[in-house]
Amino acid sequence: MERLLLLVTTHFIGDFAFQSEWMAKCKGTSREVLFYHVATYVSAMYAFMLASGYHPTPQGILVDGAVHFLADGLKGRGIVKSIWLDQCIHLATRLALWQVGWL
């Protein structure tokens, strides 16, 4: 359960606290900026997990980053309209990856 709480916490740290204003403004229109946002998001999670003694698998990191890229890309295009749906997608992904032992 501690690991799941860490995954939820690092999601919000990586998705909001470490996201610059530039990333927030431009990630919806630029794939390059979206990539930087996702790389920051995944790096924050990975660093905090390692510091806490957990070792996410490479496939867990890849799936988490890919789903985040897709969800934020769809949100940037207006296909996913609600920030709540966007956040549910991200958290459901982490929950599923935690459940299978990848994160």
Protein backbone atom coordinates (compact mmCIF):
# COMPACT_ATOMS: atom_id res chain seq x y z
CA MET A 1 0.00 0.00 0.00
CA GLU A 2 2.93 2.32 0.72
CA ARG A 3 4.13 1.79 -2.85
CA LEU A 4 0.69 2.71 -4.26
CA LEU A 5 0.59 5.88 -2.17
CA LEU A 6 4.05 6.76 -3.49
CA LEU A 7 2.85 6.20 -7.08
CA VAL A 8 -0.13 8.50 -6.56
CA THR A 9 2.00 11.15 -4.88
CA THR A 10 4.70 11.06 -7.55
CA HIS A 11 2.00 11.32 -10.22
CA PHE A 12 0.89 14.69 -8.87
CA ILE A 13 4.46 15.85 -8.30
CA GLY A 14 5.52 14.95 -11.84
CA ASP A 15 2.31 16.06 -13.56
CA PHE A 16 1.90 19.40 -11.78
CA ALA A 17 4.78 20.51 -9.54
CA PHE A 18 7.55 19.71 -12.05
CA GLN A 19 5.61 20.92 -15.08
CA SER A 20 6.79 24.35 -16.19
CA GLU A 21 4.43 27.04 -17.45
CA TRP A 22 5.97 26.54 -20.91
CA MET A 23 5.12 22.83 -20.84
CA ALA A 24 1.58 23.50 -19.63
CA LYS A 25 0.96 26.04 -22.39
CA CYS A 26 2.61 24.22 -25.28
CA LYS A 27 2.23 20.48 -24.66
CA GLY A 28 -1.17 20.49 -26.39
CA THR A 29 0.22 21.85 -29.64
CA SER A 30 3.76 20.49 -29.75
CA ARG A 31 4.73 16.83 -29.60
CA GLU A 32 8.26 17.84 -28.65
CA VAL A 33 7.03 19.78 -25.61
CA LEU A 34 4.66 16.92 -24.75
CA PHE A 35 7.64 14.57 -24.87
CA TYR A 36 9.59 16.84 -22.46
CA HIS A 37 6.59 16.90 -20.11
CA VAL A 38 6.27 13.11 -20.14
CA ALA A 39 10.03 12.66 -19.69
CA THR A 40 9.91 14.98 -16.66
CA TYR A 41 6.87 13.14 -15.29
CA VAL A 42 8.44 9.68 -15.66
CA SER A 43 11.84 10.83 -14.36
CA ALA A 44 10.28 12.25 -11.20
CA MET A 45 8.41 9.02 -10.55
CA TYR A 46 11.49 6.89 -11.21
CA ALA A 47 13.76 9.00 -8.99
CA PHE A 48 11.33 9.02 -6.07
CA MET A 49 10.65 5.30 -6.41
CA LEU A 50 14.37 4.45 -6.42
CA ALA A 51 15.00 6.76 -3.46
CA SER A 52 12.27 4.90 -1.59
CA GLY A 53 13.79 1.50 -2.36
CA TYR A 54 11.39 0.45 -5.13
CA HIS A 55 12.47 -0.60 -8.60
CA PRO A 56 9.91 -0.05 -11.36
CA THR A 57 10.35 -2.38 -14.33
CA PRO A 58 11.36 -0.97 -17.73
CA GLN A 59 8.04 -2.08 -19.23
CA GLY A 60 6.16 -0.33 -16.40
CA ILE A 61 8.02 2.90 -17.04
CA LEU A 62 7.45 2.61 -20.79
CA VAL A 63 3.72 1.87 -20.49
CA ASP A 64 3.20 4.64 -17.92
CA GLY A 65 4.99 7.16 -20.14
CA ALA A 66 3.24 6.02 -23.33
CA VAL A 67 -0.24 6.21 -21.80
CA HIS A 68 0.57 9.62 -20.31
CA PHE A 69 1.75 10.83 -23.72
CA LEU A 70 -1.43 9.55 -25.40
CA ALA A 71 -3.82 10.91 -22.75
CA ASP A 72 -2.23 14.36 -22.68
CA GLY A 73 -2.03 14.41 -26.48
CA LEU A 74 -5.76 13.65 -26.70
CA LYS A 75 -6.48 16.29 -24.08
CA GLY A 76 -4.43 18.82 -26.02
CA ARG A 77 -6.47 18.10 -29.14
CA GLY A 78 -9.74 18.49 -27.25
CA ILE A 79 -10.74 14.83 -27.54
CA VAL A 80 -10.41 14.35 -23.77
CA LYS A 81 -12.14 17.46 -22.49
CA SER A 82 -12.13 17.03 -18.73
CA ILE A 83 -9.05 17.29 -16.54
CA TRP A 84 -10.79 14.80 -14.24
CA LEU A 85 -10.97 12.20 -17.01
CA ASP A 86 -7.34 12.91 -17.87
CA GLN A 87 -6.30 12.40 -14.24
CA CYS A 88 -8.42 9.24 -13.93
CA ILE A 89 -6.65 7.79 -16.98
CA HIS A 90 -3.24 8.51 -15.45
CA LEU A 91 -4.11 7.15 -12.03
CA ALA A 92 -5.89 4.07 -13.43
CA THR A 93 -2.77 3.33 -15.47
CA ARG A 94 -0.56 3.52 -12.41
CA LEU A 95 -3.01 1.42 -10.41
CA ALA A 96 -3.04 -1.27 -13.11
CA LEU A 97 0.76 -1.25 -13.39
CA TRP A 98 1.08 -1.46 -9.61
CA GLN A 99 -1.39 -4.36 -9.60
CA VAL A 100 0.69 -6.39 -12.09
CA GLY A 101 3.92 -5.49 -10.28
CA TRP A 102 5.45 -3.32 -12.99
CA LEU A 103 5.49 -0.13 -10.90
